[in-house]
N, C-alpha and C. Protein backbone atom coordinates (compact mmCIF):
# COMPACT_ATOMS: atom_id res chain seq x y z
N MET A 1 15.52 14.81 -14.65
CA MET A 1 15.76 13.42 -15.01
C MET A 1 14.46 12.78 -15.50
N ASN A 2 14.64 11.79 -16.36
CA ASN A 2 13.52 11.02 -16.87
C ASN A 2 12.99 10.10 -15.78
N LYS A 3 11.69 9.82 -15.78
CA LYS A 3 11.06 9.01 -14.74
C LYS A 3 10.97 7.53 -15.09
N ASN A 4 11.35 7.14 -16.32
CA ASN A 4 11.14 5.77 -16.78
C ASN A 4 11.85 4.72 -15.93
N ARG A 5 13.10 4.97 -15.55
CA ARG A 5 13.83 3.99 -14.75
C ARG A 5 13.21 3.83 -13.37
N LEU A 6 12.76 4.92 -12.78
CA LEU A 6 12.10 4.85 -11.47
C LEU A 6 10.84 3.99 -11.56
N GLU A 7 10.04 4.21 -12.59
CA GLU A 7 8.81 3.44 -12.75
C GLU A 7 9.10 1.96 -12.99
N ALA A 8 10.08 1.68 -13.84
CA ALA A 8 10.42 0.28 -14.14
C ALA A 8 10.95 -0.43 -12.89
N PHE A 9 11.82 0.25 -12.15
CA PHE A 9 12.37 -0.34 -10.93
C PHE A 9 11.26 -0.59 -9.92
N SER A 10 10.36 0.38 -9.74
CA SER A 10 9.26 0.23 -8.79
C SER A 10 8.35 -0.91 -9.19
N ASP A 11 8.02 -1.01 -10.47
CA ASP A 11 7.18 -2.11 -10.94
C ASP A 11 7.84 -3.45 -10.66
N GLY A 12 9.15 -3.54 -10.87
CA GLY A 12 9.88 -4.77 -10.60
C GLY A 12 9.86 -5.14 -9.13
N VAL A 13 10.08 -4.17 -8.27
CA VAL A 13 10.07 -4.43 -6.83
C VAL A 13 8.69 -4.90 -6.39
N LEU A 14 7.64 -4.25 -6.86
CA LEU A 14 6.29 -4.64 -6.48
C LEU A 14 5.95 -6.04 -7.00
N ALA A 15 6.42 -6.38 -8.19
CA ALA A 15 6.20 -7.74 -8.71
C ALA A 15 6.92 -8.77 -7.84
N ILE A 16 8.11 -8.45 -7.39
CA ILE A 16 8.86 -9.37 -6.52
C ILE A 16 8.16 -9.51 -5.18
N ILE A 17 7.63 -8.42 -4.64
CA ILE A 17 6.90 -8.47 -3.36
C ILE A 17 5.72 -9.43 -3.47
N ILE A 18 4.95 -9.32 -4.55
CA ILE A 18 3.81 -10.23 -4.73
C ILE A 18 4.30 -11.66 -4.88
N THR A 19 5.38 -11.86 -5.61
CA THR A 19 5.93 -13.21 -5.80
C THR A 19 6.34 -13.82 -4.47
N ILE A 20 7.02 -13.04 -3.64
CA ILE A 20 7.44 -13.54 -2.33
C ILE A 20 6.22 -13.90 -1.49
N MET A 21 5.21 -13.04 -1.52
CA MET A 21 4.01 -13.32 -0.72
C MET A 21 3.33 -14.62 -1.17
N VAL A 22 3.22 -14.83 -2.47
CA VAL A 22 2.54 -16.04 -2.94
C VAL A 22 3.38 -17.28 -2.66
N LEU A 23 4.69 -17.15 -2.67
CA LEU A 23 5.55 -18.29 -2.37
C LEU A 23 5.48 -18.69 -0.90
N GLU A 24 5.03 -17.77 -0.04
CA GLU A 24 4.84 -18.08 1.37
C GLU A 24 3.62 -18.97 1.62
N LEU A 25 2.71 -19.02 0.64
CA LEU A 25 1.52 -19.86 0.79
C LEU A 25 1.93 -21.33 0.67
N LYS A 26 1.45 -22.13 1.60
CA LYS A 26 1.77 -23.55 1.61
C LYS A 26 0.64 -24.35 0.98
N VAL A 27 1.01 -25.44 0.35
CA VAL A 27 0.03 -26.32 -0.27
C VAL A 27 -0.76 -27.03 0.83
N PRO A 28 -2.09 -27.06 0.73
CA PRO A 28 -2.89 -27.75 1.75
C PRO A 28 -2.56 -29.25 1.78
N HIS A 29 -2.64 -29.83 2.97
CA HIS A 29 -2.41 -31.26 3.14
C HIS A 29 -3.76 -31.96 3.15
N GLY A 30 -4.24 -32.27 1.97
CA GLY A 30 -5.53 -32.91 1.81
C GLY A 30 -6.19 -32.43 0.54
N ALA A 31 -7.27 -33.10 0.17
CA ALA A 31 -7.92 -32.78 -1.10
C ALA A 31 -9.35 -32.29 -0.91
N ASP A 32 -9.70 -31.88 0.29
CA ASP A 32 -11.06 -31.39 0.52
C ASP A 32 -11.01 -29.97 1.11
N VAL A 33 -12.17 -29.38 1.24
CA VAL A 33 -12.26 -28.01 1.76
C VAL A 33 -11.72 -27.91 3.18
N ALA A 34 -11.87 -28.98 3.96
CA ALA A 34 -11.38 -28.97 5.34
C ALA A 34 -9.86 -28.77 5.40
N ALA A 35 -9.16 -29.16 4.35
CA ALA A 35 -7.71 -28.99 4.32
C ALA A 35 -7.31 -27.52 4.26
N LEU A 36 -8.24 -26.65 3.84
CA LEU A 36 -7.97 -25.21 3.76
C LEU A 36 -8.13 -24.51 5.11
N ARG A 37 -8.89 -25.12 6.02
CA ARG A 37 -9.18 -24.47 7.29
C ARG A 37 -7.93 -24.01 8.04
N PRO A 38 -6.88 -24.85 8.18
CA PRO A 38 -5.69 -24.37 8.90
C PRO A 38 -4.96 -23.23 8.18
N LEU A 39 -5.24 -23.07 6.89
CA LEU A 39 -4.57 -22.03 6.11
C LEU A 39 -5.42 -20.77 5.96
N ALA A 40 -6.59 -20.75 6.56
CA ALA A 40 -7.53 -19.65 6.36
C ALA A 40 -6.93 -18.29 6.71
N THR A 41 -6.28 -18.16 7.85
CA THR A 41 -5.73 -16.85 8.23
C THR A 41 -4.58 -16.46 7.30
N VAL A 42 -3.81 -17.43 6.87
CA VAL A 42 -2.71 -17.14 5.94
C VAL A 42 -3.29 -16.63 4.62
N LEU A 43 -4.32 -17.28 4.13
CA LEU A 43 -4.96 -16.86 2.87
C LEU A 43 -5.61 -15.49 3.00
N LEU A 44 -6.28 -15.25 4.13
CA LEU A 44 -6.90 -13.93 4.34
C LEU A 44 -5.84 -12.83 4.38
N GLY A 45 -4.75 -13.09 5.08
CA GLY A 45 -3.66 -12.12 5.13
C GLY A 45 -3.07 -11.86 3.76
N TYR A 46 -2.91 -12.93 2.98
CA TYR A 46 -2.38 -12.78 1.62
C TYR A 46 -3.30 -11.92 0.77
N VAL A 47 -4.61 -12.21 0.82
CA VAL A 47 -5.57 -11.45 0.01
C VAL A 47 -5.51 -9.97 0.37
N LEU A 48 -5.49 -9.66 1.67
CA LEU A 48 -5.44 -8.26 2.09
C LEU A 48 -4.15 -7.59 1.62
N SER A 49 -3.03 -8.26 1.82
CA SER A 49 -1.75 -7.66 1.40
C SER A 49 -1.65 -7.54 -0.11
N PHE A 50 -2.18 -8.52 -0.85
CA PHE A 50 -2.20 -8.42 -2.30
C PHE A 50 -2.99 -7.20 -2.73
N LEU A 51 -4.15 -6.98 -2.08
CA LEU A 51 -4.95 -5.80 -2.39
C LEU A 51 -4.18 -4.52 -2.12
N TYR A 52 -3.48 -4.48 -0.98
CA TYR A 52 -2.69 -3.29 -0.66
C TYR A 52 -1.59 -3.04 -1.69
N VAL A 53 -0.88 -4.08 -2.09
CA VAL A 53 0.17 -3.90 -3.10
C VAL A 53 -0.46 -3.41 -4.40
N GLY A 54 -1.60 -3.98 -4.76
CA GLY A 54 -2.30 -3.52 -5.96
C GLY A 54 -2.73 -2.07 -5.87
N ILE A 55 -3.22 -1.68 -4.72
CA ILE A 55 -3.64 -0.28 -4.51
C ILE A 55 -2.43 0.65 -4.63
N TYR A 56 -1.33 0.27 -3.99
CA TYR A 56 -0.12 1.11 -4.09
C TYR A 56 0.38 1.17 -5.53
N TRP A 57 0.38 0.04 -6.23
CA TRP A 57 0.85 0.04 -7.61
C TRP A 57 -0.03 0.95 -8.46
N ASN A 58 -1.34 0.82 -8.31
CA ASN A 58 -2.26 1.62 -9.09
C ASN A 58 -2.07 3.11 -8.83
N ASN A 59 -2.01 3.48 -7.56
CA ASN A 59 -1.85 4.90 -7.20
C ASN A 59 -0.47 5.43 -7.61
N HIS A 60 0.56 4.60 -7.47
CA HIS A 60 1.91 4.97 -7.89
C HIS A 60 1.91 5.23 -9.40
N HIS A 61 1.27 4.35 -10.15
CA HIS A 61 1.18 4.50 -11.61
C HIS A 61 0.51 5.83 -11.97
N HIS A 62 -0.63 6.11 -11.33
CA HIS A 62 -1.32 7.36 -11.61
C HIS A 62 -0.48 8.57 -11.21
N MET A 63 0.15 8.49 -10.05
CA MET A 63 0.95 9.62 -9.57
C MET A 63 2.08 9.93 -10.56
N PHE A 64 2.76 8.89 -11.05
CA PHE A 64 3.87 9.15 -11.95
C PHE A 64 3.41 9.48 -13.37
N HIS A 65 2.16 9.16 -13.67
CA HIS A 65 1.62 9.60 -14.95
C HIS A 65 1.45 11.12 -14.93
N ALA A 66 1.22 11.67 -13.75
CA ALA A 66 1.06 13.12 -13.59
C ALA A 66 2.38 13.80 -13.24
N THR A 67 3.47 13.04 -13.24
CA THR A 67 4.78 13.58 -12.90
C THR A 67 5.62 13.73 -14.16
N GLN A 68 6.18 14.89 -14.36
CA GLN A 68 6.96 15.14 -15.58
C GLN A 68 8.40 14.65 -15.46
N HIS A 69 9.06 15.05 -14.40
CA HIS A 69 10.48 14.73 -14.22
C HIS A 69 10.73 14.38 -12.76
N VAL A 70 11.83 13.68 -12.51
CA VAL A 70 12.21 13.33 -11.14
C VAL A 70 13.58 13.93 -10.83
N ASN A 71 13.86 14.01 -9.55
CA ASN A 71 15.18 14.44 -9.09
C ASN A 71 15.64 13.48 -8.00
N GLY A 72 16.77 13.75 -7.41
CA GLY A 72 17.32 12.88 -6.38
C GLY A 72 16.40 12.71 -5.19
N GLY A 73 15.74 13.79 -4.77
CA GLY A 73 14.81 13.71 -3.64
C GLY A 73 13.65 12.77 -3.92
N ILE A 74 13.13 12.82 -5.14
CA ILE A 74 12.03 11.94 -5.52
C ILE A 74 12.52 10.50 -5.57
N LEU A 75 13.72 10.27 -6.09
CA LEU A 75 14.27 8.91 -6.13
C LEU A 75 14.38 8.33 -4.72
N TRP A 76 14.89 9.13 -3.78
CA TRP A 76 15.04 8.64 -2.40
C TRP A 76 13.68 8.45 -1.73
N ALA A 77 12.76 9.35 -1.98
CA ALA A 77 11.42 9.20 -1.40
C ALA A 77 10.75 7.94 -1.94
N ASN A 78 10.96 7.63 -3.21
CA ASN A 78 10.40 6.42 -3.80
C ASN A 78 11.03 5.18 -3.17
N LEU A 79 12.35 5.21 -2.98
CA LEU A 79 13.01 4.08 -2.32
C LEU A 79 12.50 3.89 -0.89
N HIS A 80 12.22 4.98 -0.21
CA HIS A 80 11.66 4.93 1.14
C HIS A 80 10.32 4.19 1.12
N LEU A 81 9.47 4.52 0.15
CA LEU A 81 8.19 3.82 0.00
C LEU A 81 8.42 2.34 -0.29
N LEU A 82 9.30 2.03 -1.22
CA LEU A 82 9.56 0.63 -1.58
C LEU A 82 10.10 -0.16 -0.39
N PHE A 83 10.88 0.49 0.47
CA PHE A 83 11.38 -0.20 1.66
C PHE A 83 10.22 -0.70 2.52
N TRP A 84 9.28 0.18 2.81
CA TRP A 84 8.16 -0.22 3.67
C TRP A 84 7.27 -1.25 2.98
N LEU A 85 7.08 -1.11 1.68
CA LEU A 85 6.29 -2.11 0.95
C LEU A 85 7.00 -3.46 0.93
N SER A 86 8.33 -3.45 0.93
CA SER A 86 9.07 -4.71 0.90
C SER A 86 8.91 -5.50 2.20
N LEU A 87 8.42 -4.87 3.24
CA LEU A 87 8.18 -5.57 4.51
C LEU A 87 6.81 -6.25 4.54
N PHE A 88 5.98 -6.02 3.54
CA PHE A 88 4.66 -6.67 3.49
C PHE A 88 4.75 -8.19 3.56
N PRO A 89 5.64 -8.84 2.79
CA PRO A 89 5.66 -10.31 2.84
C PRO A 89 5.92 -10.88 4.23
N VAL A 90 6.89 -10.34 4.95
CA VAL A 90 7.22 -10.89 6.27
C VAL A 90 6.12 -10.61 7.28
N THR A 91 5.55 -9.41 7.26
CA THR A 91 4.49 -9.11 8.23
C THR A 91 3.21 -9.87 7.87
N THR A 92 2.96 -10.04 6.58
CA THR A 92 1.79 -10.82 6.16
C THR A 92 1.91 -12.26 6.63
N ALA A 93 3.09 -12.85 6.42
CA ALA A 93 3.31 -14.23 6.86
C ALA A 93 3.19 -14.36 8.37
N TRP A 94 3.73 -13.39 9.10
CA TRP A 94 3.68 -13.44 10.57
C TRP A 94 2.25 -13.37 11.07
N VAL A 95 1.45 -12.45 10.50
CA VAL A 95 0.05 -12.33 10.91
C VAL A 95 -0.69 -13.63 10.61
N GLY A 96 -0.48 -14.17 9.44
CA GLY A 96 -1.18 -15.40 9.06
C GLY A 96 -0.79 -16.59 9.91
N GLU A 97 0.50 -16.76 10.13
CA GLU A 97 0.98 -17.89 10.92
C GLU A 97 0.55 -17.79 12.38
N SER A 98 0.43 -16.56 12.88
CA SER A 98 0.06 -16.37 14.29
C SER A 98 -1.46 -16.36 14.48
N ARG A 99 -2.20 -16.51 13.39
CA ARG A 99 -3.66 -16.47 13.41
C ARG A 99 -4.18 -15.14 13.98
N PHE A 100 -3.60 -14.07 13.48
CA PHE A 100 -3.99 -12.70 13.83
C PHE A 100 -3.77 -12.38 15.31
N ALA A 101 -2.65 -12.82 15.86
CA ALA A 101 -2.31 -12.47 17.24
C ALA A 101 -2.04 -10.97 17.35
N ALA A 102 -2.07 -10.46 18.56
CA ALA A 102 -2.00 -9.01 18.80
C ALA A 102 -0.71 -8.37 18.27
N MET A 103 0.44 -8.89 18.66
CA MET A 103 1.70 -8.25 18.28
C MET A 103 1.92 -8.27 16.76
N PRO A 104 1.76 -9.41 16.08
CA PRO A 104 1.92 -9.38 14.62
C PRO A 104 0.92 -8.44 13.93
N THR A 105 -0.31 -8.39 14.45
CA THR A 105 -1.32 -7.50 13.87
C THR A 105 -0.92 -6.04 14.06
N ALA A 106 -0.37 -5.70 15.21
CA ALA A 106 0.09 -4.33 15.47
C ALA A 106 1.29 -3.99 14.57
N VAL A 107 2.21 -4.93 14.42
CA VAL A 107 3.38 -4.68 13.56
C VAL A 107 2.94 -4.52 12.11
N TYR A 108 2.00 -5.35 11.68
CA TYR A 108 1.45 -5.22 10.32
C TYR A 108 0.87 -3.82 10.14
N GLY A 109 0.12 -3.35 11.13
CA GLY A 109 -0.45 -2.00 11.08
C GLY A 109 0.62 -0.93 11.05
N PHE A 110 1.71 -1.14 11.80
CA PHE A 110 2.81 -0.18 11.79
C PHE A 110 3.43 -0.09 10.40
N VAL A 111 3.60 -1.23 9.75
CA VAL A 111 4.16 -1.23 8.39
C VAL A 111 3.20 -0.54 7.43
N LEU A 112 1.89 -0.79 7.57
CA LEU A 112 0.91 -0.09 6.75
C LEU A 112 0.98 1.42 6.98
N LEU A 113 1.09 1.82 8.25
CA LEU A 113 1.19 3.24 8.60
C LEU A 113 2.43 3.87 7.98
N MET A 114 3.55 3.18 8.07
CA MET A 114 4.80 3.72 7.53
C MET A 114 4.77 3.77 6.01
N ALA A 115 4.14 2.78 5.36
CA ALA A 115 4.01 2.81 3.90
C ALA A 115 3.15 4.00 3.48
N ALA A 116 2.05 4.23 4.20
CA ALA A 116 1.18 5.37 3.89
C ALA A 116 1.93 6.69 4.10
N THR A 117 2.71 6.76 5.16
CA THR A 117 3.50 7.96 5.43
C THR A 117 4.54 8.16 4.33
N ALA A 118 5.19 7.08 3.91
CA ALA A 118 6.19 7.17 2.84
C ALA A 118 5.55 7.61 1.53
N TYR A 119 4.36 7.12 1.25
CA TYR A 119 3.65 7.53 0.04
C TYR A 119 3.33 9.03 0.10
N PHE A 120 2.89 9.49 1.28
CA PHE A 120 2.59 10.90 1.48
C PHE A 120 3.84 11.75 1.26
N ILE A 121 4.98 11.28 1.79
CA ILE A 121 6.24 12.00 1.61
C ILE A 121 6.62 12.05 0.12
N LEU A 122 6.48 10.92 -0.57
CA LEU A 122 6.79 10.88 -2.01
C LEU A 122 5.89 11.85 -2.77
N GLN A 123 4.62 11.80 -2.49
CA GLN A 123 3.65 12.68 -3.15
C GLN A 123 4.01 14.14 -2.93
N ASN A 124 4.34 14.49 -1.70
CA ASN A 124 4.68 15.89 -1.40
C ASN A 124 6.03 16.29 -1.97
N THR A 125 6.95 15.35 -2.08
CA THR A 125 8.24 15.64 -2.70
C THR A 125 8.05 15.95 -4.18
N ILE A 126 7.19 15.19 -4.83
CA ILE A 126 6.90 15.45 -6.24
C ILE A 126 6.22 16.80 -6.41
N ILE A 127 5.24 17.09 -5.55
CA ILE A 127 4.54 18.38 -5.63
C ILE A 127 5.51 19.53 -5.38
N ALA A 128 6.41 19.37 -4.43
CA ALA A 128 7.40 20.42 -4.16
C ALA A 128 8.29 20.66 -5.38
N ARG A 129 8.63 19.60 -6.09
CA ARG A 129 9.48 19.70 -7.29
C ARG A 129 8.72 20.35 -8.44
N GLN A 130 7.44 19.99 -8.60
CA GLN A 130 6.68 20.47 -9.75
C GLN A 130 5.91 21.76 -9.48
N GLY A 131 5.71 22.07 -8.22
CA GLY A 131 5.03 23.32 -7.89
C GLY A 131 3.58 23.12 -7.49
N ALA A 132 3.06 24.09 -6.77
CA ALA A 132 1.70 24.02 -6.25
C ALA A 132 0.65 24.05 -7.35
N GLY A 133 1.02 24.50 -8.53
CA GLY A 133 0.08 24.55 -9.65
C GLY A 133 0.17 23.32 -10.55
N SER A 134 0.89 22.31 -10.11
CA SER A 134 1.08 21.11 -10.94
C SER A 134 -0.19 20.28 -11.04
N ILE A 135 -0.20 19.38 -12.00
CA ILE A 135 -1.33 18.47 -12.19
C ILE A 135 -1.54 17.63 -10.94
N LEU A 136 -0.46 17.12 -10.37
CA LEU A 136 -0.56 16.28 -9.18
C LEU A 136 -1.13 17.07 -8.00
N ALA A 137 -0.65 18.29 -7.80
CA ALA A 137 -1.16 19.11 -6.70
C ALA A 137 -2.65 19.37 -6.86
N ALA A 138 -3.07 19.65 -8.07
CA ALA A 138 -4.49 19.90 -8.32
C ALA A 138 -5.31 18.64 -8.09
N ALA A 139 -4.78 17.49 -8.49
CA ALA A 139 -5.50 16.23 -8.36
C ALA A 139 -5.61 15.79 -6.91
N VAL A 140 -4.54 15.94 -6.16
CA VAL A 140 -4.52 15.46 -4.78
C VAL A 140 -5.40 16.33 -3.89
N GLY A 141 -5.38 17.62 -4.13
CA GLY A 141 -6.19 18.52 -3.30
C GLY A 141 -5.83 18.39 -1.84
N ARG A 142 -6.83 18.23 -1.01
CA ARG A 142 -6.59 18.10 0.44
C ARG A 142 -6.27 16.68 0.85
N ASP A 143 -6.45 15.73 -0.03
CA ASP A 143 -6.10 14.32 0.18
C ASP A 143 -6.72 13.76 1.46
N TRP A 144 -8.03 13.91 1.60
CA TRP A 144 -8.69 13.44 2.82
C TRP A 144 -8.57 11.94 2.98
N LYS A 145 -8.59 11.19 1.87
CA LYS A 145 -8.48 9.73 1.99
C LYS A 145 -7.12 9.32 2.54
N GLY A 146 -6.08 9.98 2.06
CA GLY A 146 -4.74 9.68 2.55
C GLY A 146 -4.59 9.99 4.03
N LYS A 147 -5.09 11.14 4.43
CA LYS A 147 -4.98 11.53 5.84
C LYS A 147 -5.86 10.65 6.73
N PHE A 148 -7.07 10.32 6.26
CA PHE A 148 -7.97 9.47 7.04
C PHE A 148 -7.39 8.06 7.18
N SER A 149 -6.71 7.58 6.15
CA SER A 149 -6.05 6.27 6.21
C SER A 149 -5.03 6.22 7.33
N VAL A 150 -4.22 7.26 7.42
CA VAL A 150 -3.19 7.33 8.46
C VAL A 150 -3.83 7.32 9.84
N VAL A 151 -4.92 8.04 10.00
CA VAL A 151 -5.63 8.08 11.29
C VAL A 151 -6.14 6.68 11.65
N LEU A 152 -6.71 5.97 10.67
CA LEU A 152 -7.22 4.63 10.94
C LEU A 152 -6.10 3.66 11.28
N TYR A 153 -4.98 3.74 10.58
CA TYR A 153 -3.84 2.88 10.92
C TYR A 153 -3.35 3.17 12.34
N ALA A 154 -3.21 4.46 12.65
CA ALA A 154 -2.72 4.84 13.98
C ALA A 154 -3.68 4.36 15.08
N ALA A 155 -4.97 4.36 14.82
CA ALA A 155 -5.95 3.86 15.79
C ALA A 155 -5.90 2.35 15.89
N ALA A 156 -5.67 1.67 14.77
CA ALA A 156 -5.69 0.21 14.75
C ALA A 156 -4.51 -0.41 15.49
N ILE A 157 -3.37 0.24 15.49
CA ILE A 157 -2.18 -0.35 16.11
C ILE A 157 -2.40 -0.63 17.60
N PRO A 158 -2.80 0.35 18.42
CA PRO A 158 -3.06 0.01 19.82
C PRO A 158 -4.30 -0.88 19.99
N LEU A 159 -5.27 -0.73 19.08
CA LEU A 159 -6.47 -1.58 19.16
C LEU A 159 -6.14 -3.05 18.94
N ALA A 160 -5.03 -3.32 18.27
CA ALA A 160 -4.63 -4.72 18.03
C ALA A 160 -4.42 -5.45 19.35
N PHE A 161 -4.05 -4.73 20.40
CA PHE A 161 -3.81 -5.37 21.70
C PHE A 161 -5.11 -5.55 22.49
N VAL A 162 -6.16 -4.87 22.05
CA VAL A 162 -7.49 -5.04 22.64
C VAL A 162 -8.24 -6.13 21.88
N SER A 163 -8.26 -5.99 20.56
CA SER A 163 -8.92 -6.96 19.69
C SER A 163 -8.25 -6.93 18.32
N PRO A 164 -7.43 -7.94 18.02
CA PRO A 164 -6.80 -7.99 16.69
C PRO A 164 -7.83 -7.99 15.56
N TRP A 165 -9.00 -8.53 15.80
CA TRP A 165 -10.03 -8.57 14.76
C TRP A 165 -10.55 -7.18 14.43
N ILE A 166 -10.67 -6.32 15.44
CA ILE A 166 -11.09 -4.93 15.19
C ILE A 166 -10.01 -4.21 14.39
N ALA A 167 -8.76 -4.40 14.80
CA ALA A 167 -7.64 -3.78 14.07
C ALA A 167 -7.62 -4.23 12.62
N ASN A 168 -7.77 -5.54 12.40
CA ASN A 168 -7.79 -6.05 11.03
C ASN A 168 -8.99 -5.52 10.27
N GLY A 169 -10.10 -5.33 10.97
CA GLY A 169 -11.27 -4.73 10.33
C GLY A 169 -10.98 -3.32 9.83
N LEU A 170 -10.21 -2.56 10.61
CA LEU A 170 -9.83 -1.21 10.18
C LEU A 170 -8.89 -1.27 8.97
N TYR A 171 -7.98 -2.26 8.95
CA TYR A 171 -7.10 -2.41 7.79
C TYR A 171 -7.91 -2.73 6.54
N VAL A 172 -8.92 -3.58 6.70
CA VAL A 172 -9.80 -3.92 5.58
C VAL A 172 -10.59 -2.69 5.14
N LEU A 173 -11.07 -1.91 6.11
CA LEU A 173 -11.83 -0.69 5.80
C LEU A 173 -10.99 0.26 4.95
N VAL A 174 -9.73 0.45 5.31
CA VAL A 174 -8.87 1.34 4.53
C VAL A 174 -8.70 0.80 3.11
N ALA A 175 -8.49 -0.51 2.99
CA ALA A 175 -8.33 -1.10 1.65
C ALA A 175 -9.59 -0.90 0.82
N VAL A 176 -10.75 -1.14 1.42
CA VAL A 176 -12.02 -0.96 0.70
C VAL A 176 -12.18 0.50 0.29
N MET A 177 -11.79 1.40 1.19
CA MET A 177 -11.90 2.82 0.90
C MET A 177 -11.08 3.19 -0.35
N TRP A 178 -9.90 2.57 -0.50
CA TRP A 178 -9.04 2.86 -1.64
C TRP A 178 -9.43 2.07 -2.88
N LEU A 179 -10.19 1.00 -2.71
CA LEU A 179 -10.66 0.24 -3.87
C LEU A 179 -11.74 1.00 -4.63
N ALA A 180 -12.46 1.85 -3.91
CA ALA A 180 -13.47 2.68 -4.58
C ALA A 180 -12.76 3.52 -5.63
N PRO A 181 -13.29 3.56 -6.83
CA PRO A 181 -12.60 4.30 -7.90
C PRO A 181 -12.26 5.72 -7.49
N ASP A 182 -11.00 6.07 -7.67
CA ASP A 182 -10.51 7.41 -7.35
C ASP A 182 -9.94 7.98 -8.64
N ARG A 183 -10.71 8.78 -9.29
CA ARG A 183 -10.33 9.29 -10.60
C ARG A 183 -9.74 10.70 -10.52
N ARG A 184 -9.27 11.11 -9.37
CA ARG A 184 -8.79 12.49 -9.24
C ARG A 184 -7.71 12.82 -10.28
N ILE A 185 -6.69 11.98 -10.35
CA ILE A 185 -5.58 12.28 -11.27
C ILE A 185 -6.05 12.16 -12.71
N GLU A 186 -6.81 11.10 -13.02
CA GLU A 186 -7.32 10.94 -14.39
C GLU A 186 -8.15 12.15 -14.81
N ARG A 187 -9.01 12.62 -13.92
CA ARG A 187 -9.89 13.75 -14.22
C ARG A 187 -9.06 15.01 -14.51
N VAL A 188 -8.07 15.28 -13.67
CA VAL A 188 -7.25 16.49 -13.87
C VAL A 188 -6.42 16.37 -15.14
N LEU A 189 -5.91 15.17 -15.44
CA LEU A 189 -5.15 14.97 -16.69
C LEU A 189 -6.05 15.19 -17.90
N GLU A 190 -7.27 14.68 -17.85
CA GLU A 190 -8.21 14.88 -18.97
C GLU A 190 -8.52 16.36 -19.17
N GLU A 191 -8.71 17.08 -18.07
CA GLU A 191 -9.01 18.51 -18.16
C GLU A 191 -7.83 19.29 -18.71
N SER A 192 -6.61 18.90 -18.33
CA SER A 192 -5.43 19.63 -18.80
C SER A 192 -5.13 19.35 -20.28
N ASN A 193 -5.65 18.23 -20.80
CA ASN A 193 -5.42 17.90 -22.22
C ASN A 193 -6.47 18.51 -23.15
N ARG A 194 -7.45 19.18 -22.60
CA ARG A 194 -8.49 19.82 -23.44
C ARG A 194 -8.00 21.11 -24.03
């Protein structure tokens, strides 16, 4: 099957997720910087979740650029990823409204963990379909960043009950780790086109 509809649908869902998150932001009551203070945790949560959606969109785009065709398993694995990403707006709002309380921070981490797991499943489903010698398999390699991300999420969830700020620090660390340019897929695609 052609991958175009999957990519278009995924792009649409991710655009809606960002739209829902931004609509959750409330207008400050006042015209000075002090009016932003009560909204600080909501804004911080939004920025982090926006970065995560952007990271997923970017990596999803690269992954499907290295994908030739899709099948039913890939379609379902992609929907599984989109399900977990669709929970970002509600968990982001909960964390922000609660001012980074323990339970919302842990639930946010659980959603991040499940999204990372779903991405891993999608990636492996594509590799299984295309074979171990595929462009994606060569680009992903051992995927230490993906595996290390899951470890950090799993550590942050119980840490949220000790210190939500430490847990949120780990979530930020993972985002920063993925913001660093990762040219694995681009590099392998360039080499295969020579």
